[in-house]
Amino acid sequence: MRKLSKKDVVIDIGANVGMVSEILARRGARVISFEPNTLAFAKLKLVADKFRNIETYNVAVGTKNQKVKLYLHSDYNSSKNDLTQASSLLKEKPNVSHEIFEKIQ
């Protein structure tokens, strides 16, 4: 990361709340961040608004342009903790709920 400059472009897939995107932006690189979780994206957007070199997209990254389910942690609606990092496109993941999900692009 020390070698990053304004000439570099970094893609942050699954940027969550923007911690890594912010570090990359502070190094001077142009950062393109993707985050499908609505709550995490709102926090990412707050970080991105502080930097001219962060571009954000509230979508998942995949091989097809389609609507899919983003499965959320089974305690997502009842926990006071931020469980956005546990979201997954894979419903087989043991900590996600099949009933709690967001429809995302």
N, C-alpha and C. Protein backbone atom coordinates (compact mmCIF):
# COMPACT_ATOMS: atom_id res chain seq x y z
N MET A 1 0.81 -1.20 0.00
CA MET A 1 0.00 0.00 0.00
C MET A 1 0.85 1.26 0.00
N ARG A 2 2.05 1.17 0.48
CA ARG A 2 2.91 2.35 0.52
C ARG A 2 3.23 2.88 -0.87
N LYS A 3 3.14 2.02 -1.87
CA LYS A 3 3.48 2.41 -3.23
C LYS A 3 2.29 3.00 -3.99
N LEU A 4 1.11 3.02 -3.38
CA LEU A 4 -0.07 3.57 -4.06
C LEU A 4 0.09 5.07 -4.26
N SER A 5 -0.42 5.52 -5.41
CA SER A 5 -0.36 6.96 -5.71
C SER A 5 -1.65 7.37 -6.41
N LYS A 6 -1.73 8.62 -6.79
CA LYS A 6 -2.90 9.14 -7.50
C LYS A 6 -3.08 8.49 -8.86
N LYS A 7 -2.06 7.84 -9.36
CA LYS A 7 -2.14 7.16 -10.65
C LYS A 7 -2.83 5.80 -10.54
N ASP A 8 -2.95 5.27 -9.32
CA ASP A 8 -3.48 3.92 -9.11
C ASP A 8 -4.99 3.91 -8.90
N VAL A 9 -5.60 2.81 -9.35
CA VAL A 9 -7.03 2.57 -9.14
C VAL A 9 -7.16 1.27 -8.35
N VAL A 10 -7.91 1.31 -7.27
CA VAL A 10 -8.12 0.14 -6.43
C VAL A 10 -9.62 -0.13 -6.36
N ILE A 11 -10.00 -1.39 -6.53
CA ILE A 11 -11.41 -1.78 -6.45
C ILE A 11 -11.62 -2.51 -5.13
N ASP A 12 -12.53 -2.00 -4.33
CA ASP A 12 -12.85 -2.59 -3.03
C ASP A 12 -14.21 -3.28 -3.15
N ILE A 13 -14.17 -4.59 -3.33
CA ILE A 13 -15.40 -5.38 -3.49
C ILE A 13 -15.84 -5.87 -2.12
N GLY A 14 -17.09 -5.54 -1.77
CA GLY A 14 -17.57 -5.86 -0.43
C GLY A 14 -16.96 -4.90 0.57
N ALA A 15 -17.04 -3.62 0.26
CA ALA A 15 -16.37 -2.58 1.04
C ALA A 15 -16.92 -2.41 2.45
N ASN A 16 -18.08 -2.95 2.73
CA ASN A 16 -18.74 -2.84 4.02
C ASN A 16 -18.83 -1.38 4.43
N VAL A 17 -18.36 -1.00 5.60
CA VAL A 17 -18.53 0.37 6.09
C VAL A 17 -17.42 1.31 5.65
N GLY A 18 -16.48 0.82 4.86
CA GLY A 18 -15.49 1.70 4.24
C GLY A 18 -14.15 1.85 4.93
N MET A 19 -13.85 1.00 5.88
CA MET A 19 -12.57 1.14 6.59
C MET A 19 -11.38 1.01 5.64
N VAL A 20 -11.39 -0.01 4.79
CA VAL A 20 -10.29 -0.22 3.85
C VAL A 20 -10.31 0.84 2.76
N SER A 21 -11.50 1.17 2.28
CA SER A 21 -11.61 2.22 1.25
C SER A 21 -11.00 3.52 1.74
N GLU A 22 -11.23 3.86 2.98
CA GLU A 22 -10.68 5.10 3.54
C GLU A 22 -9.15 5.04 3.60
N ILE A 23 -8.61 3.94 4.03
CA ILE A 23 -7.15 3.80 4.10
C ILE A 23 -6.55 3.93 2.70
N LEU A 24 -7.17 3.28 1.73
CA LEU A 24 -6.68 3.36 0.35
C LEU A 24 -6.78 4.79 -0.19
N ALA A 25 -7.88 5.46 0.10
CA ALA A 25 -8.06 6.84 -0.36
C ALA A 25 -7.03 7.77 0.27
N ARG A 26 -6.72 7.55 1.52
CA ARG A 26 -5.71 8.39 2.19
C ARG A 26 -4.33 8.22 1.55
N ARG A 27 -4.09 7.08 0.91
CA ARG A 27 -2.82 6.85 0.21
C ARG A 27 -2.81 7.57 -1.13
N GLY A 28 -3.97 8.09 -1.55
CA GLY A 28 -4.03 8.87 -2.79
C GLY A 28 -4.65 8.15 -3.97
N ALA A 29 -4.85 6.84 -3.86
CA ALA A 29 -5.39 6.08 -4.99
C ALA A 29 -6.85 6.42 -5.24
N ARG A 30 -7.28 6.24 -6.47
CA ARG A 30 -8.71 6.32 -6.79
C ARG A 30 -9.32 5.00 -6.35
N VAL A 31 -10.37 5.05 -5.53
CA VAL A 31 -10.97 3.85 -4.96
C VAL A 31 -12.39 3.71 -5.49
N ILE A 32 -12.70 2.54 -6.03
CA ILE A 32 -14.04 2.23 -6.50
C ILE A 32 -14.57 1.15 -5.57
N SER A 33 -15.59 1.50 -4.77
CA SER A 33 -16.09 0.62 -3.72
C SER A 33 -17.48 0.10 -4.03
N PHE A 34 -17.66 -1.20 -3.84
CA PHE A 34 -18.94 -1.85 -4.06
C PHE A 34 -19.42 -2.46 -2.74
N GLU A 35 -20.66 -2.15 -2.34
CA GLU A 35 -21.23 -2.72 -1.13
C GLU A 35 -22.74 -2.89 -1.30
N PRO A 36 -23.24 -4.13 -1.28
CA PRO A 36 -24.66 -4.35 -1.49
C PRO A 36 -25.55 -4.18 -0.26
N ASN A 37 -25.00 -4.33 0.93
CA ASN A 37 -25.81 -4.22 2.14
C ASN A 37 -26.21 -2.76 2.37
N THR A 38 -27.51 -2.52 2.48
CA THR A 38 -28.03 -1.15 2.57
C THR A 38 -27.48 -0.39 3.77
N LEU A 39 -27.47 -1.02 4.94
CA LEU A 39 -26.98 -0.35 6.15
C LEU A 39 -25.48 -0.07 6.05
N ALA A 40 -24.71 -1.04 5.61
CA ALA A 40 -23.26 -0.84 5.46
C ALA A 40 -22.97 0.23 4.42
N PHE A 41 -23.76 0.22 3.32
CA PHE A 41 -23.54 1.21 2.26
C PHE A 41 -23.76 2.63 2.78
N ALA A 42 -24.76 2.82 3.62
CA ALA A 42 -25.01 4.16 4.18
C ALA A 42 -23.79 4.65 4.96
N LYS A 43 -23.16 3.76 5.70
CA LYS A 43 -21.95 4.14 6.45
C LYS A 43 -20.76 4.35 5.51
N LEU A 44 -20.66 3.51 4.49
CA LEU A 44 -19.61 3.68 3.48
C LEU A 44 -19.74 5.03 2.80
N LYS A 45 -20.95 5.41 2.49
CA LYS A 45 -21.22 6.69 1.82
C LYS A 45 -20.74 7.87 2.68
N LEU A 46 -20.94 7.77 4.00
CA LEU A 46 -20.46 8.84 4.90
C LEU A 46 -18.95 8.98 4.83
N VAL A 47 -18.25 7.85 4.74
CA VAL A 47 -16.79 7.87 4.59
C VAL A 47 -16.42 8.47 3.23
N ALA A 48 -17.07 7.98 2.18
CA ALA A 48 -16.75 8.43 0.82
C ALA A 48 -17.00 9.91 0.62
N ASP A 49 -17.98 10.45 1.30
CA ASP A 49 -18.29 11.88 1.16
C ASP A 49 -17.14 12.77 1.64
N LYS A 50 -16.21 12.21 2.40
CA LYS A 50 -15.06 12.97 2.90
C LYS A 50 -13.90 12.99 1.90
N PHE A 51 -14.00 12.17 0.85
CA PHE A 51 -12.90 12.02 -0.10
C PHE A 51 -13.40 12.18 -1.53
N ARG A 52 -12.65 12.90 -2.32
CA ARG A 52 -13.00 13.06 -3.73
C ARG A 52 -12.61 11.82 -4.54
N ASN A 53 -11.74 11.00 -4.00
CA ASN A 53 -11.21 9.87 -4.75
C ASN A 53 -11.87 8.53 -4.42
N ILE A 54 -13.03 8.55 -3.73
CA ILE A 54 -13.78 7.31 -3.50
C ILE A 54 -15.10 7.40 -4.27
N GLU A 55 -15.34 6.39 -5.08
CA GLU A 55 -16.56 6.26 -5.87
C GLU A 55 -17.30 5.04 -5.31
N THR A 56 -18.59 5.16 -4.99
CA THR A 56 -19.32 4.06 -4.35
C THR A 56 -20.49 3.56 -5.20
N TYR A 57 -20.75 2.27 -5.06
CA TYR A 57 -21.88 1.64 -5.75
C TYR A 57 -22.58 0.69 -4.79
N ASN A 58 -23.89 0.85 -4.67
CA ASN A 58 -24.70 0.02 -3.76
C ASN A 58 -25.20 -1.22 -4.51
N VAL A 59 -24.26 -2.05 -4.94
CA VAL A 59 -24.54 -3.29 -5.67
C VAL A 59 -23.51 -4.34 -5.28
N ALA A 60 -23.85 -5.59 -5.59
CA ALA A 60 -22.88 -6.68 -5.45
C ALA A 60 -22.09 -6.78 -6.74
N VAL A 61 -20.97 -7.46 -6.68
CA VAL A 61 -20.16 -7.69 -7.87
C VAL A 61 -20.29 -9.16 -8.24
N GLY A 62 -20.62 -9.42 -9.50
CA GLY A 62 -20.77 -10.80 -9.95
C GLY A 62 -20.62 -10.90 -11.45
N THR A 63 -20.96 -12.04 -11.97
CA THR A 63 -20.80 -12.29 -13.40
C THR A 63 -22.07 -12.02 -14.18
N LYS A 64 -23.21 -11.81 -13.49
CA LYS A 64 -24.48 -11.54 -14.16
C LYS A 64 -25.13 -10.31 -13.56
N ASN A 65 -25.81 -9.54 -14.39
CA ASN A 65 -26.55 -8.38 -13.93
C ASN A 65 -27.98 -8.84 -13.63
N GLN A 66 -28.22 -9.17 -12.37
CA GLN A 66 -29.53 -9.69 -11.98
C GLN A 66 -29.81 -9.38 -10.52
N LYS A 67 -31.07 -9.50 -10.12
CA LYS A 67 -31.44 -9.35 -8.72
C LYS A 67 -31.19 -10.67 -8.00
N VAL A 68 -30.58 -10.59 -6.83
CA VAL A 68 -30.30 -11.78 -6.01
C VAL A 68 -30.60 -11.47 -4.55
N LYS A 69 -30.58 -12.49 -3.73
CA LYS A 69 -30.78 -12.31 -2.29
C LYS A 69 -29.43 -12.17 -1.61
N LEU A 70 -29.34 -11.16 -0.76
CA LEU A 70 -28.19 -11.00 0.12
C LEU A 70 -28.66 -11.45 1.49
N TYR A 71 -28.21 -12.59 1.93
CA TYR A 71 -28.64 -13.17 3.19
C TYR A 71 -27.93 -12.46 4.35
N LEU A 72 -28.71 -12.12 5.35
CA LEU A 72 -28.20 -11.37 6.49
C LEU A 72 -28.00 -12.30 7.68
N HIS A 73 -27.18 -11.87 8.61
CA HIS A 73 -26.90 -12.65 9.82
C HIS A 73 -28.21 -12.99 10.52
N SER A 74 -28.28 -14.16 11.12
CA SER A 74 -29.51 -14.61 11.77
C SER A 74 -29.93 -13.69 12.92
N ASP A 75 -29.01 -12.93 13.51
CA ASP A 75 -29.34 -11.99 14.58
C ASP A 75 -29.41 -10.54 14.10
N TYR A 76 -29.45 -10.34 12.79
CA TYR A 76 -29.37 -9.02 12.18
C TYR A 76 -30.40 -8.04 12.74
N ASN A 77 -31.62 -8.48 12.92
CA ASN A 77 -32.70 -7.58 13.37
C ASN A 77 -32.79 -7.45 14.88
N SER A 78 -32.10 -8.29 15.62
CA SER A 78 -32.24 -8.26 17.07
C SER A 78 -30.98 -7.83 17.81
N SER A 79 -29.86 -7.78 17.13
CA SER A 79 -28.60 -7.45 17.77
C SER A 79 -28.33 -5.94 17.71
N LYS A 80 -27.67 -5.43 18.73
CA LYS A 80 -27.23 -4.04 18.73
C LYS A 80 -25.87 -3.91 18.04
N ASN A 81 -25.24 -5.04 17.77
CA ASN A 81 -23.94 -5.05 17.09
C ASN A 81 -24.12 -4.88 15.59
N ASP A 82 -23.11 -4.34 14.95
CA ASP A 82 -23.12 -4.21 13.50
C ASP A 82 -22.77 -5.57 12.89
N LEU A 83 -23.76 -6.22 12.32
CA LEU A 83 -23.56 -7.55 11.73
C LEU A 83 -23.55 -7.49 10.20
N THR A 84 -23.36 -6.31 9.65
CA THR A 84 -23.38 -6.17 8.19
C THR A 84 -22.26 -6.97 7.52
N GLN A 85 -21.11 -7.10 8.20
CA GLN A 85 -19.99 -7.83 7.61
C GLN A 85 -20.28 -9.32 7.47
N ALA A 86 -21.35 -9.81 8.09
CA ALA A 86 -21.70 -11.23 8.00
C ALA A 86 -22.67 -11.52 6.86
N SER A 87 -23.08 -10.51 6.11
CA SER A 87 -23.98 -10.71 4.97
C SER A 87 -23.30 -11.58 3.92
N SER A 88 -24.11 -12.35 3.19
CA SER A 88 -23.53 -13.25 2.20
C SER A 88 -24.52 -13.56 1.08
N LEU A 89 -23.99 -13.75 -0.10
CA LEU A 89 -24.81 -14.23 -1.22
C LEU A 89 -25.04 -15.73 -1.12
N LEU A 90 -24.30 -16.37 -0.24
CA LEU A 90 -24.39 -17.82 -0.07
C LEU A 90 -25.32 -18.17 1.09
N LYS A 91 -26.46 -18.77 0.78
CA LYS A 91 -27.41 -19.10 1.85
C LYS A 91 -26.93 -20.29 2.69
N GLU A 92 -25.91 -21.00 2.21
CA GLU A 92 -25.37 -22.14 2.96
C GLU A 92 -24.46 -21.70 4.11
N LYS A 93 -24.10 -20.45 4.14
CA LYS A 93 -23.23 -19.94 5.20
C LYS A 93 -23.94 -20.15 6.54
N PRO A 94 -23.27 -20.74 7.53
CA PRO A 94 -23.96 -21.15 8.76
C PRO A 94 -24.53 -20.02 9.63
N ASN A 95 -24.03 -18.81 9.50
CA ASN A 95 -24.50 -17.73 10.39
C ASN A 95 -25.58 -16.85 9.78
N VAL A 96 -26.01 -17.14 8.55
CA VAL A 96 -27.04 -16.32 7.92
C VAL A 96 -28.41 -16.98 8.01
N SER A 97 -29.43 -16.14 7.88
CA SER A 97 -30.81 -16.61 7.91
C SER A 97 -31.35 -16.74 6.49
N HIS A 98 -32.13 -17.75 6.25
CA HIS A 98 -32.77 -17.91 4.94
C HIS A 98 -33.98 -16.99 4.83
N GLU A 99 -34.50 -16.52 5.97
CA GLU A 99 -35.68 -15.67 5.99
C GLU A 99 -35.36 -14.16 6.04
N ILE A 100 -34.14 -13.83 6.46
CA ILE A 100 -33.76 -12.42 6.56
C ILE A 100 -32.79 -12.11 5.43
N PHE A 101 -33.22 -11.32 4.49
CA PHE A 101 -32.37 -11.02 3.33
C PHE A 101 -32.82 -9.70 2.70
N GLU A 102 -31.96 -9.17 1.85
CA GLU A 102 -32.26 -8.00 1.02
C GLU A 102 -32.21 -8.45 -0.42
N LYS A 103 -33.10 -7.94 -1.23
CA LYS A 103 -33.01 -8.16 -2.68
C LYS A 103 -32.08 -7.09 -3.21
N ILE A 104 -31.02 -7.51 -3.88
CA ILE A 104 -30.00 -6.57 -4.35
C ILE A 104 -29.69 -6.80 -5.81
N GLN A 105 -29.06 -5.84 -6.42
CA GLN A 105 -28.60 -5.95 -7.80
C GLN A 105 -27.19 -6.46 -7.82
